[in-house]
Amino acid sequence: MRFHPLLSVLLLCVTIIPKGNTGLIPGTKRCTMLKGKCQEKGCTTTE
């Protein structure tokens, strides 16, 4: 009987907690925020 309220509170907490952005290197994240892109070979003449 008490399992149902506990489950509903757990689901509510899971939906409220925001998802974090993980997996990006700090330099890559900042480059993306500045509307740039990471390239291996270097920049072109228009960049």
ModelCIF file with pLDDT and N, C-alpha, C, O atoms, coordinates in Angstrom:
data_MODEL
#
_entry.id   MODEL 
#
_entity.id                         1 
_entity.type                       polymer 
_entity.pdbx_number_of_molecules   1 
#
_entity_poly.entity_id                      1 
_entity_poly.type                           'polypeptide(L)' 
_entity_poly.nstd_linkage                   no 
_entity_poly.nstd_monomer                   no 
_entity_poly.pdbx_seq_one_letter_code       MRFHPLLSVLLLCVTIIPKGNTGLIPGTKRCTMLKGKCQEKGCTTTE 
_entity_poly.pdbx_seq_one_letter_code_can   MRFHPLLSVLLLCVTIIPKGNTGLIPGTKRCTMLKGKCQEKGCTTTE 
_entity_poly.pdbx_strand_id                 A 
#
loop_
_entity_poly_seq.entity_id 
_entity_poly_seq.num 
_entity_poly_seq.mon_id 
_entity_poly_seq.hetero 
1 1  MET n 
1 2  ARG n 
1 3  PHE n 
1 4  HIS n 
1 5  PRO n 
1 6  LEU n 
1 7  LEU n 
1 8  SER n 
1 9  VAL n 
1 10 LEU n 
1 11 LEU n 
1 12 LEU n 
1 13 CYS n 
1 14 VAL n 
1 15 THR n 
1 16 ILE n 
1 17 ILE n 
1 18 PRO n 
1 19 LYS n 
1 20 GLY n 
1 21 ASN n 
1 22 THR n 
1 23 GLY n 
1 24 LEU n 
1 25 ILE n 
1 26 PRO n 
1 27 GLY n 
1 28 THR n 
1 29 LYS n 
1 30 ARG n 
1 31 CYS n 
1 32 THR n 
1 33 MET n 
1 34 LEU n 
1 35 LYS n 
1 36 GLY n 
1 37 LYS n 
1 38 CYS n 
1 39 GLN n 
1 40 GLU n 
1 41 LYS n 
1 42 GLY n 
1 43 CYS n 
1 44 THR n 
1 45 THR n 
1 46 THR n 
1 47 GLU n 
#
_struct_asym.id          A 
_struct_asym.entity_id   1 
#
loop_
_ma_qa_metric.id 
_ma_qa_metric.mode 
_ma_qa_metric.name 
_ma_qa_metric.software_group_id 
_ma_qa_metric.type 
1 global pLDDT . pLDDT 
2 local  pLDDT . pLDDT 
#
_ma_qa_metric_global.metric_id      1 
_ma_qa_metric_global.metric_value   77.96 
_ma_qa_metric_global.model_id       1 
_ma_qa_metric_global.ordinal_id     1 
#
loop_
_ma_qa_metric_local.label_asym_id 
_ma_qa_metric_local.label_comp_id 
_ma_qa_metric_local.label_seq_id 
_ma_qa_metric_local.metric_id 
_ma_qa_metric_local.metric_value 
_ma_qa_metric_local.model_id 
_ma_qa_metric_local.ordinal_id 
A MET 1  2 53.00 1 1  
A ARG 2  2 66.00 1 2  
A PHE 3  2 68.00 1 3  
A HIS 4  2 75.00 1 4  
A PRO 5  2 78.00 1 5  
A LEU 6  2 81.00 1 6  
A LEU 7  2 83.00 1 7  
A SER 8  2 82.00 1 8  
A VAL 9  2 83.00 1 9  
A LEU 10 2 81.00 1 10 
A LEU 11 2 81.00 1 11 
A LEU 12 2 80.00 1 12 
A CYS 13 2 76.00 1 13 
A VAL 14 2 75.00 1 14 
A THR 15 2 78.00 1 15 
A ILE 16 2 78.00 1 16 
A ILE 17 2 73.00 1 17 
A PRO 18 2 67.00 1 18 
A LYS 19 2 64.00 1 19 
A GLY 20 2 60.00 1 20 
A ASN 21 2 56.00 1 21 
A THR 22 2 59.00 1 22 
A GLY 23 2 61.00 1 23 
A LEU 24 2 63.00 1 24 
A ILE 25 2 70.00 1 25 
A PRO 26 2 76.00 1 26 
A GLY 27 2 80.00 1 27 
A THR 28 2 84.00 1 28 
A LYS 29 2 82.00 1 29 
A ARG 30 2 84.00 1 30 
A CYS 31 2 85.00 1 31 
A THR 32 2 84.00 1 32 
A MET 33 2 82.00 1 33 
A LEU 34 2 82.00 1 34 
A LYS 35 2 83.00 1 35 
A GLY 36 2 86.00 1 36 
A LYS 37 2 88.00 1 37 
A CYS 38 2 90.00 1 38 
A GLN 39 2 91.00 1 39 
A GLU 40 2 90.00 1 40 
A LYS 41 2 87.00 1 41 
A GLY 42 2 86.00 1 42 
A CYS 43 2 89.00 1 43 
A THR 44 2 87.00 1 44 
A THR 45 2 85.00 1 45 
A THR 46 2 85.00 1 46 
A GLU 47 2 87.00 1 47 
#
loop_
_atom_site.group_PDB 
_atom_site.id 
_atom_site.type_symbol 
_atom_site.label_atom_id 
_atom_site.label_alt_id 
_atom_site.label_comp_id 
_atom_site.label_asym_id 
_atom_site.label_entity_id 
_atom_site.label_seq_id 
_atom_site.pdbx_PDB_ins_code 
_atom_site.Cartn_x 
_atom_site.Cartn_y 
_atom_site.Cartn_z 
_atom_site.occupancy 
_atom_site.B_iso_or_equiv 
_atom_site.pdbx_formal_charge 
_atom_site.auth_seq_id 
_atom_site.auth_comp_id 
_atom_site.auth_asym_id 
_atom_site.auth_atom_id 
_atom_site.pdbx_PDB_model_num 
ATOM 1   N N  . MET A 1 1  ? 0.809  -1.201 0.000   1.00 53.00 ? 1  MET A N  1 
ATOM 2   C CA . MET A 1 1  ? 0.000  0.000  0.000   1.00 53.00 ? 1  MET A CA 1 
ATOM 3   C C  . MET A 1 1  ? 0.849  1.261  0.000   1.00 53.00 ? 1  MET A C  1 
ATOM 4   O O  . MET A 1 1  ? 0.496  2.240  -0.658  1.00 53.00 ? 1  MET A O  1 
ATOM 5   N N  . ARG A 1 2  ? 1.946  1.257  0.715   1.00 66.00 ? 2  ARG A N  1 
ATOM 6   C CA . ARG A 1 2  ? 2.771  2.460  0.814   1.00 66.00 ? 2  ARG A CA 1 
ATOM 7   C C  . ARG A 1 2  ? 3.740  2.585  -0.366  1.00 66.00 ? 2  ARG A C  1 
ATOM 8   O O  . ARG A 1 2  ? 4.410  3.606  -0.517  1.00 66.00 ? 2  ARG A O  1 
ATOM 9   N N  . PHE A 1 3  ? 3.808  1.591  -1.161  1.00 68.00 ? 3  PHE A N  1 
ATOM 10  C CA . PHE A 1 3  ? 4.723  1.615  -2.300  1.00 68.00 ? 3  PHE A CA 1 
ATOM 11  C C  . PHE A 1 3  ? 4.267  2.614  -3.372  1.00 68.00 ? 3  PHE A C  1 
ATOM 12  O O  . PHE A 1 3  ? 5.108  3.248  -4.009  1.00 68.00 ? 3  PHE A O  1 
ATOM 13  N N  . HIS A 1 4  ? 2.995  2.760  -3.576  1.00 75.00 ? 4  HIS A N  1 
ATOM 14  C CA . HIS A 1 4  ? 2.454  3.642  -4.612  1.00 75.00 ? 4  HIS A CA 1 
ATOM 15  C C  . HIS A 1 4  ? 2.810  5.115  -4.364  1.00 75.00 ? 4  HIS A C  1 
ATOM 16  O O  . HIS A 1 4  ? 3.266  5.762  -5.307  1.00 75.00 ? 4  HIS A O  1 
ATOM 17  N N  . PRO A 1 5  ? 2.636  5.693  -3.161  1.00 78.00 ? 5  PRO A N  1 
ATOM 18  C CA . PRO A 1 5  ? 3.041  7.087  -2.936  1.00 78.00 ? 5  PRO A CA 1 
ATOM 19  C C  . PRO A 1 5  ? 4.544  7.281  -3.063  1.00 78.00 ? 5  PRO A C  1 
ATOM 20  O O  . PRO A 1 5  ? 4.994  8.311  -3.565  1.00 78.00 ? 5  PRO A O  1 
ATOM 21  N N  . LEU A 1 6  ? 5.321  6.307  -2.616  1.00 81.00 ? 6  LEU A N  1 
ATOM 22  C CA . LEU A 1 6  ? 6.774  6.411  -2.722  1.00 81.00 ? 6  LEU A CA 1 
ATOM 23  C C  . LEU A 1 6  ? 7.211  6.430  -4.184  1.00 81.00 ? 6  LEU A C  1 
ATOM 24  O O  . LEU A 1 6  ? 8.098  7.195  -4.562  1.00 81.00 ? 6  LEU A O  1 
ATOM 25  N N  . LEU A 1 7  ? 6.594  5.596  -4.995  1.00 83.00 ? 7  LEU A N  1 
ATOM 26  C CA . LEU A 1 7  ? 6.912  5.552  -6.419  1.00 83.00 ? 7  LEU A CA 1 
ATOM 27  C C  . LEU A 1 7  ? 6.538  6.860  -7.114  1.00 83.00 ? 7  LEU A C  1 
ATOM 28  O O  . LEU A 1 7  ? 7.291  7.343  -7.959  1.00 83.00 ? 7  LEU A O  1 
ATOM 29  N N  . SER A 1 8  ? 5.401  7.430  -6.774  1.00 82.00 ? 8  SER A N  1 
ATOM 30  C CA . SER A 1 8  ? 4.986  8.682  -7.408  1.00 82.00 ? 8  SER A CA 1 
ATOM 31  C C  . SER A 1 8  ? 5.903  9.834  -7.013  1.00 82.00 ? 8  SER A C  1 
ATOM 32  O O  . SER A 1 8  ? 6.197  10.690 -7.848  1.00 82.00 ? 8  SER A O  1 
ATOM 33  N N  . VAL A 1 9  ? 6.361  9.879  -5.768  1.00 83.00 ? 9  VAL A N  1 
ATOM 34  C CA . VAL A 1 9  ? 7.301  10.921 -5.331  1.00 83.00 ? 9  VAL A CA 1 
ATOM 35  C C  . VAL A 1 9  ? 8.643  10.743 -6.048  1.00 83.00 ? 9  VAL A C  1 
ATOM 36  O O  . VAL A 1 9  ? 9.263  11.724 -6.457  1.00 83.00 ? 9  VAL A O  1 
ATOM 37  N N  . LEU A 1 10 ? 9.084  9.513  -6.197  1.00 81.00 ? 10 LEU A N  1 
ATOM 38  C CA . LEU A 1 10 ? 10.339 9.239  -6.905  1.00 81.00 ? 10 LEU A CA 1 
ATOM 39  C C  . LEU A 1 10 ? 10.262 9.680  -8.364  1.00 81.00 ? 10 LEU A C  1 
ATOM 40  O O  . LEU A 1 10 ? 11.197 10.298 -8.872  1.00 81.00 ? 10 LEU A O  1 
ATOM 41  N N  . LEU A 1 11 ? 9.169  9.374  -9.033  1.00 81.00 ? 11 LEU A N  1 
ATOM 42  C CA . LEU A 1 11 ? 9.007  9.796  -10.425 1.00 81.00 ? 11 LEU A CA 1 
ATOM 43  C C  . LEU A 1 11 ? 8.927  11.318 -10.540 1.00 81.00 ? 11 LEU A C  1 
ATOM 44  O O  . LEU A 1 11 ? 9.434  11.891 -11.504 1.00 81.00 ? 11 LEU A O  1 
ATOM 45  N N  . LEU A 1 12 ? 8.306  11.968 -9.583  1.00 80.00 ? 12 LEU A N  1 
ATOM 46  C CA . LEU A 1 12 ? 8.233  13.424 -9.582  1.00 80.00 ? 12 LEU A CA 1 
ATOM 47  C C  . LEU A 1 12 ? 9.629  14.030 -9.430  1.00 80.00 ? 12 LEU A C  1 
ATOM 48  O O  . LEU A 1 12 ? 9.966  14.992 -10.121 1.00 80.00 ? 12 LEU A O  1 
ATOM 49  N N  . CYS A 1 13 ? 10.432 13.478 -8.542  1.00 76.00 ? 13 CYS A N  1 
ATOM 50  C CA . CYS A 1 13 ? 11.796 13.983 -8.344  1.00 76.00 ? 13 CYS A CA 1 
ATOM 51  C C  . CYS A 1 13 ? 12.656 13.777 -9.586  1.00 76.00 ? 13 CYS A C  1 
ATOM 52  O O  . CYS A 1 13 ? 13.464 14.639 -9.933  1.00 76.00 ? 13 CYS A O  1 
ATOM 53  N N  . VAL A 1 14 ? 12.488 12.656 -10.248 1.00 75.00 ? 14 VAL A N  1 
ATOM 54  C CA . VAL A 1 14 ? 13.275 12.372 -11.450 1.00 75.00 ? 14 VAL A CA 1 
ATOM 55  C C  . VAL A 1 14 ? 12.917 13.347 -12.576 1.00 75.00 ? 14 VAL A C  1 
ATOM 56  O O  . VAL A 1 14 ? 13.796 13.748 -13.338 1.00 75.00 ? 14 VAL A O  1 
ATOM 57  N N  . THR A 1 15 ? 11.670 13.726 -12.692 1.00 78.00 ? 15 THR A N  1 
ATOM 58  C CA . THR A 1 15 ? 11.276 14.652 -13.754 1.00 78.00 ? 15 THR A CA 1 
ATOM 59  C C  . THR A 1 15 ? 11.668 16.086 -13.442 1.00 78.00 ? 15 THR A C  1 
ATOM 60  O O  . THR A 1 15 ? 11.855 16.883 -14.361 1.00 78.00 ? 15 THR A O  1 
ATOM 61  N N  . ILE A 1 16 ? 11.798 16.432 -12.167 1.00 78.00 ? 16 ILE A N  1 
ATOM 62  C CA . ILE A 1 16 ? 12.158 17.808 -11.795 1.00 78.00 ? 16 ILE A CA 1 
ATOM 63  C C  . ILE A 1 16 ? 13.652 18.062 -11.941 1.00 78.00 ? 16 ILE A C  1 
ATOM 64  O O  . ILE A 1 16 ? 14.056 19.156 -12.335 1.00 78.00 ? 16 ILE A O  1 
ATOM 65  N N  . ILE A 1 17 ? 14.480 17.062 -11.629 1.00 73.00 ? 17 ILE A N  1 
ATOM 66  C CA . ILE A 1 17 ? 15.933 17.244 -11.667 1.00 73.00 ? 17 ILE A CA 1 
ATOM 67  C C  . ILE A 1 17 ? 16.379 17.448 -13.116 1.00 73.00 ? 17 ILE A C  1 
ATOM 68  O O  . ILE A 1 17 ? 16.083 16.612 -13.970 1.00 73.00 ? 17 ILE A O  1 
ATOM 69  N N  . PRO A 1 18 ? 17.093 18.559 -13.411 1.00 67.00 ? 18 PRO A N  1 
ATOM 70  C CA . PRO A 1 18 ? 17.538 18.796 -14.797 1.00 67.00 ? 18 PRO A CA 1 
ATOM 71  C C  . PRO A 1 18 ? 18.681 17.862 -15.180 1.00 67.00 ? 18 PRO A C  1 
ATOM 72  O O  . PRO A 1 18 ? 19.485 17.447 -14.346 1.00 67.00 ? 18 PRO A O  1 
ATOM 73  N N  . LYS A 1 19 ? 18.720 17.555 -16.445 1.00 64.00 ? 19 LYS A N  1 
ATOM 74  C CA . LYS A 1 19 ? 19.794 16.713 -16.959 1.00 64.00 ? 19 LYS A CA 1 
ATOM 75  C C  . LYS A 1 19 ? 21.016 17.588 -17.222 1.00 64.00 ? 19 LYS A C  1 
ATOM 76  O O  . LYS A 1 19 ? 20.892 18.688 -17.760 1.00 64.00 ? 19 LYS A O  1 
ATOM 77  N N  . GLY A 1 20 ? 22.179 17.106 -16.847 1.00 60.00 ? 20 GLY A N  1 
ATOM 78  C CA . GLY A 1 20 ? 23.415 17.849 -17.058 1.00 60.00 ? 20 GLY A CA 1 
ATOM 79  C C  . GLY A 1 20 ? 24.027 17.537 -18.404 1.00 60.00 ? 20 GLY A C  1 
ATOM 80  O O  . GLY A 1 20 ? 23.810 16.457 -18.954 1.00 60.00 ? 20 GLY A O  1 
ATOM 81  N N  . ASN A 1 21 ? 24.790 18.475 -18.939 1.00 56.00 ? 21 ASN A N  1 
ATOM 82  C CA . ASN A 1 21 ? 25.524 18.252 -20.183 1.00 56.00 ? 21 ASN A CA 1 
ATOM 83  C C  . ASN A 1 21 ? 26.871 17.650 -19.821 1.00 56.00 ? 21 ASN A C  1 
ATOM 84  O O  . ASN A 1 21 ? 27.737 18.336 -19.279 1.00 56.00 ? 21 ASN A O  1 
ATOM 85  N N  . THR A 1 22 ? 27.043 16.397 -20.112 1.00 59.00 ? 22 THR A N  1 
ATOM 86  C CA . THR A 1 22 ? 28.290 15.728 -19.790 1.00 59.00 ? 22 THR A CA 1 
ATOM 87  C C  . THR A 1 22 ? 28.936 15.234 -21.065 1.00 59.00 ? 22 THR A C  1 
ATOM 88  O O  . THR A 1 22 ? 28.286 15.115 -22.104 1.00 59.00 ? 22 THR A O  1 
ATOM 89  N N  . GLY A 1 23 ? 30.199 14.951 -20.976 1.00 61.00 ? 23 GLY A N  1 
ATOM 90  C CA . GLY A 1 23 ? 30.895 14.365 -22.101 1.00 61.00 ? 23 GLY A CA 1 
ATOM 91  C C  . GLY A 1 23 ? 31.619 15.355 -22.994 1.00 61.00 ? 23 GLY A C  1 
ATOM 92  O O  . GLY A 1 23 ? 32.325 14.935 -23.911 1.00 61.00 ? 23 GLY A O  1 
ATOM 93  N N  . LEU A 1 24 ? 31.473 16.647 -22.762 1.00 63.00 ? 24 LEU A N  1 
ATOM 94  C CA . LEU A 1 24 ? 32.182 17.627 -23.577 1.00 63.00 ? 24 LEU A CA 1 
ATOM 95  C C  . LEU A 1 24 ? 33.394 18.153 -22.830 1.00 63.00 ? 24 LEU A C  1 
ATOM 96  O O  . LEU A 1 24 ? 33.319 18.440 -21.635 1.00 63.00 ? 24 LEU A O  1 
ATOM 97  N N  . ILE A 1 25 ? 34.496 18.278 -23.524 1.00 70.00 ? 25 ILE A N  1 
ATOM 98  C CA . ILE A 1 25 ? 35.694 18.892 -22.969 1.00 70.00 ? 25 ILE A CA 1 
ATOM 99  C C  . ILE A 1 25 ? 35.394 20.381 -22.796 1.00 70.00 ? 25 ILE A C  1 
ATOM 100 O O  . ILE A 1 25 ? 34.689 20.951 -23.628 1.00 70.00 ? 25 ILE A O  1 
ATOM 101 N N  . PRO A 1 26 ? 35.906 21.036 -21.742 1.00 76.00 ? 26 PRO A N  1 
ATOM 102 C CA . PRO A 1 26 ? 35.583 22.450 -21.529 1.00 76.00 ? 26 PRO A CA 1 
ATOM 103 C C  . PRO A 1 26 ? 35.852 23.355 -22.731 1.00 76.00 ? 26 PRO A C  1 
ATOM 104 O O  . PRO A 1 26 ? 35.064 24.261 -23.002 1.00 76.00 ? 26 PRO A O  1 
ATOM 105 N N  . GLY A 1 27 ? 36.943 23.129 -23.453 1.00 80.00 ? 27 GLY A N  1 
ATOM 106 C CA . GLY A 1 27 ? 37.229 23.933 -24.635 1.00 80.00 ? 27 GLY A CA 1 
ATOM 107 C C  . GLY A 1 27 ? 36.208 23.721 -25.741 1.00 80.00 ? 27 GLY A C  1 
ATOM 108 O O  . GLY A 1 27 ? 35.838 24.665 -26.439 1.00 80.00 ? 27 GLY A O  1 
ATOM 109 N N  . THR A 1 28 ? 35.756 22.497 -25.901 1.00 84.00 ? 28 THR A N  1 
ATOM 110 C CA . THR A 1 28 ? 34.746 22.175 -26.909 1.00 84.00 ? 28 THR A CA 1 
ATOM 111 C C  . THR A 1 28 ? 33.408 22.802 -26.546 1.00 84.00 ? 28 THR A C  1 
ATOM 112 O O  . THR A 1 28 ? 32.704 23.321 -27.412 1.00 84.00 ? 28 THR A O  1 
ATOM 113 N N  . LYS A 1 29 ? 33.062 22.753 -25.274 1.00 82.00 ? 29 LYS A N  1 
ATOM 114 C CA . LYS A 1 29 ? 31.791 23.326 -24.823 1.00 82.00 ? 29 LYS A CA 1 
ATOM 115 C C  . LYS A 1 29 ? 31.782 24.838 -25.054 1.00 82.00 ? 29 LYS A C  1 
ATOM 116 O O  . LYS A 1 29 ? 30.790 25.387 -25.533 1.00 82.00 ? 29 LYS A O  1 
ATOM 117 N N  . ARG A 1 30 ? 32.875 25.505 -24.718 1.00 84.00 ? 30 ARG A N  1 
ATOM 118 C CA . ARG A 1 30 ? 32.932 26.952 -24.910 1.00 84.00 ? 30 ARG A CA 1 
ATOM 119 C C  . ARG A 1 30 ? 32.935 27.312 -26.386 1.00 84.00 ? 30 ARG A C  1 
ATOM 120 O O  . ARG A 1 30 ? 32.318 28.299 -26.784 1.00 84.00 ? 30 ARG A O  1 
ATOM 121 N N  . CYS A 1 31 ? 33.621 26.525 -27.198 1.00 85.00 ? 31 CYS A N  1 
ATOM 122 C CA . CYS A 1 31 ? 33.630 26.764 -28.639 1.00 85.00 ? 31 CYS A CA 1 
ATOM 123 C C  . CYS A 1 31 ? 32.224 26.663 -29.208 1.00 85.00 ? 31 CYS A C  1 
ATOM 124 O O  . CYS A 1 31 ? 31.835 27.475 -30.047 1.00 85.00 ? 31 CYS A O  1 
ATOM 125 N N  . THR A 1 32 ? 31.464 25.678 -28.762 1.00 84.00 ? 32 THR A N  1 
ATOM 126 C CA . THR A 1 32 ? 30.092 25.512 -29.224 1.00 84.00 ? 32 THR A CA 1 
ATOM 127 C C  . THR A 1 32 ? 29.221 26.678 -28.766 1.00 84.00 ? 32 THR A C  1 
ATOM 128 O O  . THR A 1 32 ? 28.370 27.147 -29.521 1.00 84.00 ? 32 THR A O  1 
ATOM 129 N N  . MET A 1 33 ? 29.424 27.149 -27.540 1.00 82.00 ? 33 MET A N  1 
ATOM 130 C CA . MET A 1 33 ? 28.643 28.275 -27.030 1.00 82.00 ? 33 MET A CA 1 
ATOM 131 C C  . MET A 1 33 ? 28.945 29.566 -27.793 1.00 82.00 ? 33 MET A C  1 
ATOM 132 O O  . MET A 1 33 ? 28.086 30.443 -27.880 1.00 82.00 ? 33 MET A O  1 
ATOM 133 N N  . LEU A 1 34 ? 30.144 29.693 -28.340 1.00 82.00 ? 34 LEU A N  1 
ATOM 134 C CA . LEU A 1 34 ? 30.530 30.876 -29.107 1.00 82.00 ? 34 LEU A CA 1 
ATOM 135 C C  . LEU A 1 34 ? 30.240 30.732 -30.598 1.00 82.00 ? 34 LEU A C  1 
ATOM 136 O O  . LEU A 1 34 ? 30.773 31.487 -31.411 1.00 82.00 ? 34 LEU A O  1 
ATOM 137 N N  . LYS A 1 35 ? 29.411 29.779 -30.953 1.00 83.00 ? 35 LYS A N  1 
ATOM 138 C CA . LYS A 1 35 ? 28.986 29.535 -32.338 1.00 83.00 ? 35 LYS A CA 1 
ATOM 139 C C  . LYS A 1 35 ? 30.145 29.126 -33.234 1.00 83.00 ? 35 LYS A C  1 
ATOM 140 O O  . LYS A 1 35 ? 30.160 29.442 -34.424 1.00 83.00 ? 35 LYS A O  1 
ATOM 141 N N  . GLY A 1 36 ? 31.113 28.424 -32.663 1.00 86.00 ? 36 GLY A N  1 
ATOM 142 C CA . GLY A 1 36 ? 32.242 27.943 -33.443 1.00 86.00 ? 36 GLY A CA 1 
ATOM 143 C C  . GLY A 1 36 ? 32.167 26.439 -33.621 1.00 86.00 ? 36 GLY A C  1 
ATOM 144 O O  . GLY A 1 36 ? 31.211 25.797 -33.186 1.00 86.00 ? 36 GLY A O  1 
ATOM 145 N N  . LYS A 1 37 ? 33.192 25.880 -34.269 1.00 88.00 ? 37 LYS A N  1 
ATOM 146 C CA . LYS A 1 37 ? 33.270 24.428 -34.413 1.00 88.00 ? 37 LYS A CA 1 
ATOM 147 C C  . LYS A 1 37 ? 34.726 23.996 -34.302 1.00 88.00 ? 37 LYS A C  1 
ATOM 148 O O  . LYS A 1 37 ? 35.639 24.728 -34.684 1.00 88.00 ? 37 LYS A O  1 
ATOM 149 N N  . CYS A 1 38 ? 34.919 22.814 -33.779 1.00 90.00 ? 38 CYS A N  1 
ATOM 150 C CA . CYS A 1 38 ? 36.262 22.272 -33.580 1.00 90.00 ? 38 CYS A CA 1 
ATOM 151 C C  . CYS A 1 38 ? 36.706 21.539 -34.841 1.00 90.00 ? 38 CYS A C  1 
ATOM 152 O O  . CYS A 1 38 ? 35.987 20.690 -35.368 1.00 90.00 ? 38 CYS A O  1 
ATOM 153 N N  . GLN A 1 39 ? 37.898 21.880 -35.310 1.00 91.00 ? 39 GLN A N  1 
ATOM 154 C CA . GLN A 1 39 ? 38.424 21.252 -36.518 1.00 91.00 ? 39 GLN A CA 1 
ATOM 155 C C  . GLN A 1 39 ? 39.844 20.786 -36.261 1.00 91.00 ? 39 GLN A C  1 
ATOM 156 O O  . GLN A 1 39 ? 40.598 21.422 -35.525 1.00 91.00 ? 39 GLN A O  1 
ATOM 157 N N  . GLU A 1 40 ? 40.199 19.667 -36.878 1.00 90.00 ? 40 GLU A N  1 
ATOM 158 C CA . GLU A 1 40 ? 41.538 19.118 -36.702 1.00 90.00 ? 40 GLU A CA 1 
ATOM 159 C C  . GLU A 1 40 ? 42.580 19.801 -37.579 1.00 90.00 ? 40 GLU A C  1 
ATOM 160 O O  . GLU A 1 40 ? 43.711 20.020 -37.143 1.00 90.00 ? 40 GLU A O  1 
ATOM 161 N N  . LYS A 1 41 ? 42.211 20.135 -38.803 1.00 87.00 ? 41 LYS A N  1 
ATOM 162 C CA . LYS A 1 41 ? 43.195 20.623 -39.766 1.00 87.00 ? 41 LYS A CA 1 
ATOM 163 C C  . LYS A 1 41 ? 43.458 22.122 -39.673 1.00 87.00 ? 41 LYS A C  1 
ATOM 164 O O  . LYS A 1 41 ? 44.425 22.608 -40.259 1.00 87.00 ? 41 LYS A O  1 
ATOM 165 N N  . GLY A 1 42 ? 42.646 22.844 -38.972 1.00 86.00 ? 42 GLY A N  1 
ATOM 166 C CA . GLY A 1 42 ? 42.809 24.289 -38.887 1.00 86.00 ? 42 GLY A CA 1 
ATOM 167 C C  . GLY A 1 42 ? 41.662 25.009 -39.560 1.00 86.00 ? 42 GLY A C  1 
ATOM 168 O O  . GLY A 1 42 ? 40.737 24.390 -40.085 1.00 86.00 ? 42 GLY A O  1 
ATOM 169 N N  . CYS A 1 43 ? 41.737 26.320 -39.535 1.00 89.00 ? 43 CYS A N  1 
ATOM 170 C CA . CYS A 1 43 ? 40.642 27.147 -40.049 1.00 89.00 ? 43 CYS A CA 1 
ATOM 171 C C  . CYS A 1 43 ? 40.822 27.442 -41.540 1.00 89.00 ? 43 CYS A C  1 
ATOM 172 O O  . CYS A 1 43 ? 41.939 27.468 -42.055 1.00 89.00 ? 43 CYS A O  1 
ATOM 173 N N  . THR A 1 44 ? 39.699 27.663 -42.212 1.00 87.00 ? 44 THR A N  1 
ATOM 174 C CA . THR A 1 44 ? 39.741 28.026 -43.626 1.00 87.00 ? 44 THR A CA 1 
ATOM 175 C C  . THR A 1 44 ? 39.965 29.535 -43.748 1.00 87.00 ? 44 THR A C  1 
ATOM 176 O O  . THR A 1 44 ? 40.127 30.223 -42.741 1.00 87.00 ? 44 THR A O  1 
ATOM 177 N N  . THR A 1 45 ? 39.973 30.041 -44.968 1.00 85.00 ? 45 THR A N  1 
ATOM 178 C CA . THR A 1 45 ? 40.223 31.467 -45.182 1.00 85.00 ? 45 THR A CA 1 
ATOM 179 C C  . THR A 1 45 ? 39.051 32.342 -44.742 1.00 85.00 ? 45 THR A C  1 
ATOM 180 O O  . THR A 1 45 ? 39.241 33.530 -44.483 1.00 85.00 ? 45 THR A O  1 
ATOM 181 N N  . THR A 1 46 ? 37.841 31.781 -44.650 1.00 85.00 ? 46 THR A N  1 
ATOM 182 C CA . THR A 1 46 ? 36.688 32.566 -44.209 1.00 85.00 ? 46 THR A CA 1 
ATOM 183 C C  . THR A 1 46 ? 36.437 32.439 -42.705 1.00 85.00 ? 46 THR A C  1 
ATOM 184 O O  . THR A 1 46 ? 35.440 32.953 -42.199 1.00 85.00 ? 46 THR A O  1 
ATOM 185 N N  . GLU A 1 47 ? 37.325 31.766 -41.996 1.00 87.00 ? 47 GLU A N  1 
ATOM 186 C CA . GLU A 1 47 ? 37.171 31.572 -40.562 1.00 87.00 ? 47 GLU A CA 1 
ATOM 187 C C  . GLU A 1 47 ? 38.382 32.128 -39.830 1.00 87.00 ? 47 GLU A C  1 
ATOM 188 O O  . GLU A 1 47 ? 38.446 32.062 -38.602 1.00 87.00 ? 47 GLU A O  1 
#
